[in-house]
Amino acid sequence: MTGAQQAPVNKAAEARDQVQELLSAHRPAINEISMIDALLVTSELVTNAQRHGDGLSGFSARIVADRLEVTVADRSFRQPATAVGREKFSVGGYGWPMIQQLTACVVIIPTSGGKAITVTIPLTFTAPGPSDVLSGVMPPL
């Protein structure tokens, strides 16, 4: 496990900042698409907790091998839902399928005060560039 971010967050932007800091510090470097996917999933999970989950009650992020693990807890016992089969343009349910597409695993655990959703997001790493090789900075094997 590499680094973990568990400082309290109140907004999606704060959660994104923590994840970006965690991923930016990782060596070998995380590629741009993985970073974007991780920030998008983080933002959606925190926003869902605030909007549909009666408020955010916990947040953590950590890197485990080649995956980012993000946990978001809220105060609702309701399970996430999709917009499929509902009235056209109804509120909510559009981000959940995206979360499922961008993650390798989704686990929803009931808690005493609601639920915690943990997702794992696959990470890919950038190849060392010519300047890294010349400077002697090489990723660990």
N, C-alpha and C. Protein backbone atom coordinates (compact mmCIF):
# COMPACT_ATOMS: atom_id res chain seq x y z
N MET A 1 0.86 -1.18 0.00
CA MET A 1 0.00 0.00 0.00
C MET A 1 0.90 1.23 0.00
N THR A 2 0.53 2.20 -0.80
CA THR A 2 1.28 3.45 -0.87
C THR A 2 0.40 4.58 -0.41
N GLY A 3 0.88 5.37 0.49
CA GLY A 3 0.18 6.58 0.90
C GLY A 3 -1.32 6.42 1.06
N ALA A 4 -1.89 7.11 1.95
CA ALA A 4 -3.34 7.11 2.13
C ALA A 4 -3.76 8.52 2.48
N GLN A 5 -4.89 8.92 1.96
CA GLN A 5 -5.45 10.23 2.25
C GLN A 5 -6.74 10.01 3.03
N GLN A 6 -6.79 10.52 4.26
CA GLN A 6 -7.98 10.33 5.07
C GLN A 6 -8.40 11.58 5.82
N ALA A 7 -7.92 12.72 5.41
CA ALA A 7 -8.33 13.97 6.06
C ALA A 7 -9.81 14.21 5.78
N PRO A 8 -10.51 14.84 6.68
CA PRO A 8 -11.94 15.10 6.47
C PRO A 8 -12.17 15.93 5.21
N VAL A 9 -13.21 15.58 4.48
CA VAL A 9 -13.61 16.37 3.32
C VAL A 9 -15.08 16.72 3.45
N ASN A 10 -15.44 17.87 2.92
CA ASN A 10 -16.83 18.31 2.94
C ASN A 10 -17.39 18.50 1.55
N LYS A 11 -16.51 18.60 0.56
CA LYS A 11 -16.92 18.88 -0.81
C LYS A 11 -16.20 17.94 -1.76
N ALA A 12 -16.82 17.75 -2.94
CA ALA A 12 -16.20 16.93 -3.97
C ALA A 12 -14.84 17.49 -4.37
N ALA A 13 -14.71 18.81 -4.43
CA ALA A 13 -13.44 19.43 -4.82
C ALA A 13 -12.33 19.07 -3.83
N GLU A 14 -12.65 19.01 -2.54
CA GLU A 14 -11.64 18.65 -1.53
C GLU A 14 -11.21 17.19 -1.70
N ALA A 15 -12.16 16.32 -1.99
CA ALA A 15 -11.84 14.90 -2.22
C ALA A 15 -10.97 14.76 -3.46
N ARG A 16 -11.34 15.46 -4.54
CA ARG A 16 -10.53 15.43 -5.77
C ARG A 16 -9.11 15.91 -5.49
N ASP A 17 -8.98 16.99 -4.72
CA ASP A 17 -7.65 17.52 -4.39
C ASP A 17 -6.81 16.47 -3.66
N GLN A 18 -7.42 15.76 -2.72
CA GLN A 18 -6.69 14.73 -1.98
C GLN A 18 -6.25 13.60 -2.89
N VAL A 19 -7.15 13.16 -3.78
CA VAL A 19 -6.80 12.07 -4.69
C VAL A 19 -5.72 12.53 -5.66
N GLN A 20 -5.84 13.73 -6.18
CA GLN A 20 -4.83 14.23 -7.11
C GLN A 20 -3.46 14.32 -6.43
N GLU A 21 -3.44 14.78 -5.19
CA GLU A 21 -2.18 14.86 -4.44
C GLU A 21 -1.58 13.48 -4.24
N LEU A 22 -2.41 12.52 -3.87
CA LEU A 22 -1.96 11.14 -3.65
C LEU A 22 -1.40 10.55 -4.95
N LEU A 23 -2.13 10.69 -6.04
CA LEU A 23 -1.69 10.11 -7.31
C LEU A 23 -0.48 10.84 -7.88
N SER A 24 -0.42 12.15 -7.72
CA SER A 24 0.70 12.93 -8.25
C SER A 24 2.02 12.59 -7.56
N ALA A 25 1.94 12.19 -6.30
CA ALA A 25 3.15 11.85 -5.54
C ALA A 25 3.65 10.44 -5.83
N HIS A 26 2.85 9.62 -6.48
CA HIS A 26 3.21 8.22 -6.71
C HIS A 26 4.30 8.10 -7.77
N ARG A 27 5.24 7.17 -7.54
CA ARG A 27 6.25 6.81 -8.52
C ARG A 27 6.22 5.31 -8.69
N PRO A 28 6.13 4.79 -9.92
CA PRO A 28 6.15 5.54 -11.16
C PRO A 28 4.90 6.40 -11.31
N ALA A 29 5.01 7.41 -12.14
CA ALA A 29 3.92 8.38 -12.31
C ALA A 29 2.68 7.71 -12.91
N ILE A 30 1.53 8.18 -12.45
CA ILE A 30 0.23 7.71 -12.96
C ILE A 30 -0.04 8.42 -14.28
N ASN A 31 -0.54 7.68 -15.28
CA ASN A 31 -0.80 8.36 -16.56
C ASN A 31 -2.04 9.24 -16.47
N GLU A 32 -2.16 10.14 -17.43
CA GLU A 32 -3.19 11.18 -17.40
C GLU A 32 -4.61 10.61 -17.43
N ILE A 33 -4.86 9.59 -18.23
CA ILE A 33 -6.20 9.00 -18.32
C ILE A 33 -6.60 8.37 -16.98
N SER A 34 -5.69 7.66 -16.35
CA SER A 34 -5.98 7.09 -15.03
C SER A 34 -6.29 8.18 -14.02
N MET A 35 -5.54 9.27 -14.07
CA MET A 35 -5.77 10.40 -13.17
C MET A 35 -7.17 10.97 -13.39
N ILE A 36 -7.53 11.19 -14.65
CA ILE A 36 -8.85 11.75 -14.97
C ILE A 36 -9.96 10.81 -14.50
N ASP A 37 -9.82 9.52 -14.77
CA ASP A 37 -10.83 8.55 -14.33
C ASP A 37 -10.99 8.56 -12.81
N ALA A 38 -9.86 8.59 -12.12
CA ALA A 38 -9.90 8.58 -10.65
C ALA A 38 -10.58 9.83 -10.10
N LEU A 39 -10.27 10.98 -10.68
CA LEU A 39 -10.88 12.23 -10.21
C LEU A 39 -12.37 12.27 -10.53
N LEU A 40 -12.75 11.76 -11.68
CA LEU A 40 -14.16 11.73 -12.06
C LEU A 40 -14.97 10.82 -11.14
N VAL A 41 -14.47 9.63 -10.87
CA VAL A 41 -15.16 8.69 -9.97
C VAL A 41 -15.24 9.27 -8.55
N THR A 42 -14.15 9.85 -8.08
CA THR A 42 -14.13 10.46 -6.74
C THR A 42 -15.19 11.55 -6.64
N SER A 43 -15.21 12.42 -7.62
CA SER A 43 -16.17 13.53 -7.62
C SER A 43 -17.61 13.02 -7.63
N GLU A 44 -17.87 12.03 -8.46
CA GLU A 44 -19.23 11.49 -8.56
C GLU A 44 -19.66 10.82 -7.26
N LEU A 45 -18.78 10.04 -6.64
CA LEU A 45 -19.13 9.36 -5.39
C LEU A 45 -19.44 10.36 -4.27
N VAL A 46 -18.60 11.38 -4.14
CA VAL A 46 -18.81 12.37 -3.08
C VAL A 46 -20.07 13.19 -3.36
N THR A 47 -20.27 13.58 -4.60
CA THR A 47 -21.48 14.33 -4.96
C THR A 47 -22.73 13.50 -4.70
N ASN A 48 -22.68 12.21 -5.04
CA ASN A 48 -23.83 11.33 -4.77
C ASN A 48 -24.11 11.23 -3.28
N ALA A 49 -23.06 11.13 -2.47
CA ALA A 49 -23.26 11.06 -1.02
C ALA A 49 -23.95 12.31 -0.50
N GLN A 50 -23.56 13.45 -1.04
CA GLN A 50 -24.16 14.71 -0.61
C GLN A 50 -25.59 14.87 -1.14
N ARG A 51 -25.77 14.52 -2.38
CA ARG A 51 -27.06 14.78 -3.04
C ARG A 51 -28.13 13.72 -2.75
N HIS A 52 -27.72 12.45 -2.73
CA HIS A 52 -28.69 11.36 -2.60
C HIS A 52 -28.50 10.55 -1.31
N GLY A 53 -27.40 10.77 -0.59
CA GLY A 53 -27.08 9.92 0.55
C GLY A 53 -27.20 10.60 1.90
N ASP A 54 -27.97 11.66 1.98
CA ASP A 54 -28.19 12.37 3.25
C ASP A 54 -26.91 12.91 3.87
N GLY A 55 -25.89 13.15 3.04
CA GLY A 55 -24.67 13.79 3.51
C GLY A 55 -23.48 12.86 3.59
N LEU A 56 -22.33 13.42 3.36
CA LEU A 56 -21.06 12.70 3.41
C LEU A 56 -20.67 12.47 4.87
N SER A 57 -20.30 11.23 5.21
CA SER A 57 -19.88 10.95 6.59
C SER A 57 -18.46 10.40 6.67
N GLY A 58 -17.84 10.14 5.54
CA GLY A 58 -16.46 9.65 5.56
C GLY A 58 -15.87 9.58 4.17
N PHE A 59 -14.54 9.71 4.11
CA PHE A 59 -13.82 9.63 2.84
C PHE A 59 -12.41 9.14 3.09
N SER A 60 -11.94 8.23 2.25
CA SER A 60 -10.53 7.84 2.28
C SER A 60 -10.11 7.39 0.89
N ALA A 61 -8.82 7.50 0.62
CA ALA A 61 -8.25 7.05 -0.65
C ALA A 61 -6.86 6.52 -0.37
N ARG A 62 -6.51 5.44 -1.06
CA ARG A 62 -5.17 4.87 -0.92
C ARG A 62 -4.83 4.10 -2.19
N ILE A 63 -3.55 3.96 -2.44
CA ILE A 63 -3.08 3.17 -3.57
C ILE A 63 -2.66 1.82 -3.04
N VAL A 64 -3.18 0.78 -3.67
CA VAL A 64 -2.83 -0.60 -3.34
C VAL A 64 -2.37 -1.25 -4.64
N ALA A 65 -1.08 -1.52 -4.75
CA ALA A 65 -0.47 -2.10 -5.96
C ALA A 65 -0.78 -1.19 -7.16
N ASP A 66 -1.52 -1.72 -8.13
CA ASP A 66 -1.81 -0.93 -9.34
C ASP A 66 -3.25 -0.44 -9.37
N ARG A 67 -3.81 -0.18 -8.19
CA ARG A 67 -5.19 0.28 -8.09
C ARG A 67 -5.31 1.38 -7.05
N LEU A 68 -6.26 2.28 -7.32
CA LEU A 68 -6.64 3.28 -6.33
C LEU A 68 -7.91 2.78 -5.66
N GLU A 69 -7.90 2.79 -4.34
CA GLU A 69 -9.09 2.40 -3.58
C GLU A 69 -9.67 3.65 -2.93
N VAL A 70 -10.93 3.93 -3.24
CA VAL A 70 -11.62 5.10 -2.70
C VAL A 70 -12.84 4.61 -1.93
N THR A 71 -13.00 5.11 -0.71
CA THR A 71 -14.18 4.78 0.09
C THR A 71 -14.89 6.08 0.45
N VAL A 72 -16.20 6.09 0.18
CA VAL A 72 -17.05 7.22 0.51
C VAL A 72 -18.22 6.68 1.34
N ALA A 73 -18.41 7.26 2.50
CA ALA A 73 -19.52 6.85 3.38
C ALA A 73 -20.56 7.96 3.43
N ASP A 74 -21.83 7.55 3.53
CA ASP A 74 -22.91 8.54 3.65
C ASP A 74 -23.89 8.09 4.73
N ARG A 75 -24.94 8.88 4.91
CA ARG A 75 -25.89 8.65 5.99
C ARG A 75 -27.21 8.03 5.53
N SER A 76 -27.19 7.40 4.37
CA SER A 76 -28.40 6.80 3.83
C SER A 76 -28.23 5.30 3.69
N PHE A 77 -29.30 4.58 3.94
CA PHE A 77 -29.28 3.13 3.75
C PHE A 77 -29.70 2.75 2.34
N ARG A 78 -30.18 3.72 1.55
CA ARG A 78 -30.61 3.45 0.17
C ARG A 78 -29.42 3.08 -0.70
N GLN A 79 -29.64 2.08 -1.54
CA GLN A 79 -28.61 1.65 -2.49
C GLN A 79 -28.60 2.59 -3.70
N PRO A 80 -27.45 2.75 -4.34
CA PRO A 80 -27.41 3.57 -5.56
C PRO A 80 -28.34 2.99 -6.62
N ALA A 81 -28.89 3.86 -7.44
CA ALA A 81 -29.82 3.44 -8.49
C ALA A 81 -29.40 4.07 -9.81
N THR A 82 -29.89 3.48 -10.89
CA THR A 82 -29.63 4.06 -12.21
C THR A 82 -30.91 4.65 -12.76
N ALA A 83 -30.77 5.45 -13.78
CA ALA A 83 -31.92 6.09 -14.42
C ALA A 83 -32.64 5.16 -15.38
N VAL A 84 -32.07 3.98 -15.62
CA VAL A 84 -32.66 3.03 -16.56
C VAL A 84 -34.07 2.67 -16.12
N GLY A 85 -35.02 2.78 -17.06
CA GLY A 85 -36.40 2.39 -16.79
C GLY A 85 -37.23 3.43 -16.08
N ARG A 86 -36.64 4.56 -15.77
CA ARG A 86 -37.40 5.62 -15.10
C ARG A 86 -37.88 6.64 -16.11
N GLU A 87 -38.69 7.54 -15.63
CA GLU A 87 -39.20 8.62 -16.48
C GLU A 87 -38.03 9.36 -17.12
N LYS A 88 -38.22 9.71 -18.38
CA LYS A 88 -37.17 10.40 -19.13
C LYS A 88 -36.77 11.70 -18.42
N PHE A 89 -35.47 11.90 -18.29
CA PHE A 89 -34.87 13.09 -17.69
C PHE A 89 -35.19 13.24 -16.20
N SER A 90 -35.48 12.14 -15.51
CA SER A 90 -35.69 12.24 -14.07
C SER A 90 -34.36 12.55 -13.39
N VAL A 91 -34.41 13.00 -12.16
CA VAL A 91 -33.22 13.40 -11.42
C VAL A 91 -32.49 12.17 -10.89
N GLY A 92 -31.18 12.14 -11.10
CA GLY A 92 -30.33 11.12 -10.52
C GLY A 92 -30.24 9.84 -11.33
N GLY A 93 -29.19 9.07 -11.03
CA GLY A 93 -29.02 7.76 -11.63
C GLY A 93 -28.16 7.72 -12.87
N TYR A 94 -27.63 8.85 -13.29
CA TYR A 94 -26.83 8.88 -14.51
C TYR A 94 -25.35 8.62 -14.25
N GLY A 95 -24.86 8.96 -13.08
CA GLY A 95 -23.45 8.77 -12.76
C GLY A 95 -23.10 7.37 -12.31
N TRP A 96 -24.06 6.65 -11.75
CA TRP A 96 -23.76 5.32 -11.20
C TRP A 96 -23.26 4.36 -12.28
N PRO A 97 -23.87 4.29 -13.47
CA PRO A 97 -23.31 3.41 -14.51
C PRO A 97 -21.88 3.81 -14.91
N MET A 98 -21.58 5.10 -14.89
CA MET A 98 -20.23 5.55 -15.20
C MET A 98 -19.24 5.05 -14.14
N ILE A 99 -19.62 5.13 -12.87
CA ILE A 99 -18.77 4.62 -11.80
C ILE A 99 -18.50 3.14 -12.02
N GLN A 100 -19.52 2.39 -12.36
CA GLN A 100 -19.35 0.95 -12.59
C GLN A 100 -18.44 0.67 -13.79
N GLN A 101 -18.50 1.51 -14.82
CA GLN A 101 -17.67 1.32 -16.00
C GLN A 101 -16.19 1.62 -15.73
N LEU A 102 -15.93 2.62 -14.92
CA LEU A 102 -14.56 3.07 -14.71
C LEU A 102 -13.83 2.35 -13.57
N THR A 103 -14.54 1.50 -12.84
CA THR A 103 -13.93 0.82 -11.71
C THR A 103 -13.83 -0.68 -11.96
N ALA A 104 -12.90 -1.31 -11.27
CA ALA A 104 -12.72 -2.76 -11.37
C ALA A 104 -13.62 -3.49 -10.38
N CYS A 105 -13.97 -2.82 -9.29
CA CYS A 105 -14.75 -3.46 -8.24
C CYS A 105 -15.51 -2.39 -7.46
N VAL A 106 -16.76 -2.70 -7.11
CA VAL A 106 -17.58 -1.82 -6.27
C VAL A 106 -18.11 -2.67 -5.13
N VAL A 107 -17.90 -2.22 -3.90
CA VAL A 107 -18.41 -2.92 -2.72
C VAL A 107 -19.21 -1.92 -1.90
N ILE A 108 -20.44 -2.29 -1.57
CA ILE A 108 -21.30 -1.44 -0.74
C ILE A 108 -21.52 -2.18 0.58
N ILE A 109 -21.10 -1.53 1.66
CA ILE A 109 -21.20 -2.14 2.98
C ILE A 109 -22.12 -1.31 3.85
N PRO A 110 -23.17 -1.95 4.40
CA PRO A 110 -24.03 -1.21 5.35
C PRO A 110 -23.23 -0.85 6.60
N THR A 111 -23.47 0.34 7.11
CA THR A 111 -22.84 0.77 8.36
C THR A 111 -23.95 1.10 9.35
N SER A 112 -23.58 1.36 10.58
CA SER A 112 -24.59 1.68 11.58
C SER A 112 -25.33 2.96 11.26
N GLY A 113 -24.69 3.86 10.50
CA GLY A 113 -25.33 5.13 10.19
C GLY A 113 -25.65 5.34 8.72
N GLY A 114 -25.55 4.30 7.90
CA GLY A 114 -25.82 4.44 6.47
C GLY A 114 -25.12 3.36 5.67
N LYS A 115 -24.19 3.79 4.81
CA LYS A 115 -23.45 2.82 4.00
C LYS A 115 -22.09 3.41 3.64
N ALA A 116 -21.18 2.52 3.26
CA ALA A 116 -19.88 2.91 2.73
C ALA A 116 -19.71 2.23 1.39
N ILE A 117 -19.32 3.00 0.39
CA ILE A 117 -19.07 2.47 -0.95
C ILE A 117 -17.57 2.54 -1.19
N THR A 118 -16.98 1.37 -1.47
CA THR A 118 -15.56 1.30 -1.79
C THR A 118 -15.42 0.85 -3.23
N VAL A 119 -14.65 1.61 -3.99
CA VAL A 119 -14.37 1.26 -5.39
C VAL A 119 -12.87 1.11 -5.58
N THR A 120 -12.50 0.26 -6.52
CA THR A 120 -11.11 0.16 -6.92
C THR A 120 -11.02 0.58 -8.38
N ILE A 121 -10.09 1.47 -8.64
CA ILE A 121 -9.90 2.05 -9.97
C ILE A 121 -8.54 1.58 -10.48
N PRO A 122 -8.52 0.88 -11.62
CA PRO A 122 -7.23 0.45 -12.17
C PRO A 122 -6.36 1.66 -12.54
N LEU A 123 -5.08 1.54 -12.26
CA LEU A 123 -4.13 2.61 -12.59
C LEU A 123 -3.13 2.10 -13.62
N THR A 124 -2.80 2.95 -14.56
CA THR A 124 -1.69 2.66 -15.46
C THR A 124 -0.64 3.74 -15.24
N PHE A 125 0.56 3.40 -15.57
CA PHE A 125 1.68 4.27 -15.25
C PHE A 125 2.36 4.75 -16.53
N THR A 126 2.94 5.93 -16.45
CA THR A 126 3.64 6.46 -17.61
C THR A 126 5.00 5.79 -17.72
N ALA A 127 5.42 5.58 -18.95
CA ALA A 127 6.75 5.02 -19.19
C ALA A 127 7.77 6.11 -18.93
N PRO A 128 8.95 5.74 -18.44
CA PRO A 128 9.96 6.77 -18.22
C PRO A 128 10.36 7.39 -19.56
N GLY A 129 10.46 8.70 -19.57
CA GLY A 129 10.86 9.42 -20.77
C GLY A 129 12.37 9.47 -20.89
N PRO A 130 12.86 9.97 -22.03
CA PRO A 130 14.32 10.05 -22.24
C PRO A 130 15.02 10.87 -21.17
N SER A 131 14.41 11.93 -20.70
CA SER A 131 15.06 12.76 -19.67
C SER A 131 15.17 12.00 -18.35
N ASP A 132 14.20 11.09 -18.06
CA ASP A 132 14.29 10.29 -16.84
C ASP A 132 15.46 9.32 -16.93
N VAL A 133 15.65 8.72 -18.09
CA VAL A 133 16.74 7.76 -18.28
C VAL A 133 18.08 8.48 -18.17
N LEU A 134 18.18 9.64 -18.81
CA LEU A 134 19.43 10.40 -18.78
C LEU A 134 19.78 10.91 -17.39
N SER A 135 18.76 11.25 -16.62
CA SER A 135 19.01 11.78 -15.27
C SER A 135 19.20 10.69 -14.25
N GLY A 136 18.97 9.44 -14.66
CA GLY A 136 19.12 8.33 -13.72
C GLY A 136 17.88 8.07 -12.89
N VAL A 137 16.78 8.79 -13.15
CA VAL A 137 15.54 8.58 -12.41
C VAL A 137 14.77 7.48 -13.11
N MET A 138 14.75 6.33 -12.53
CA MET A 138 14.04 5.20 -13.11
C MET A 138 13.01 4.69 -12.11
N PRO A 139 11.87 4.23 -12.61
CA PRO A 139 10.86 3.69 -11.69
C PRO A 139 11.37 2.41 -11.05
N PRO A 140 10.91 2.14 -9.82
CA PRO A 140 11.34 0.89 -9.16
C PRO A 140 10.77 -0.30 -9.91
N LEU A 141 11.50 -1.41 -9.84
CA LEU A 141 11.04 -2.65 -10.50
C LEU A 141 10.07 -3.38 -9.63
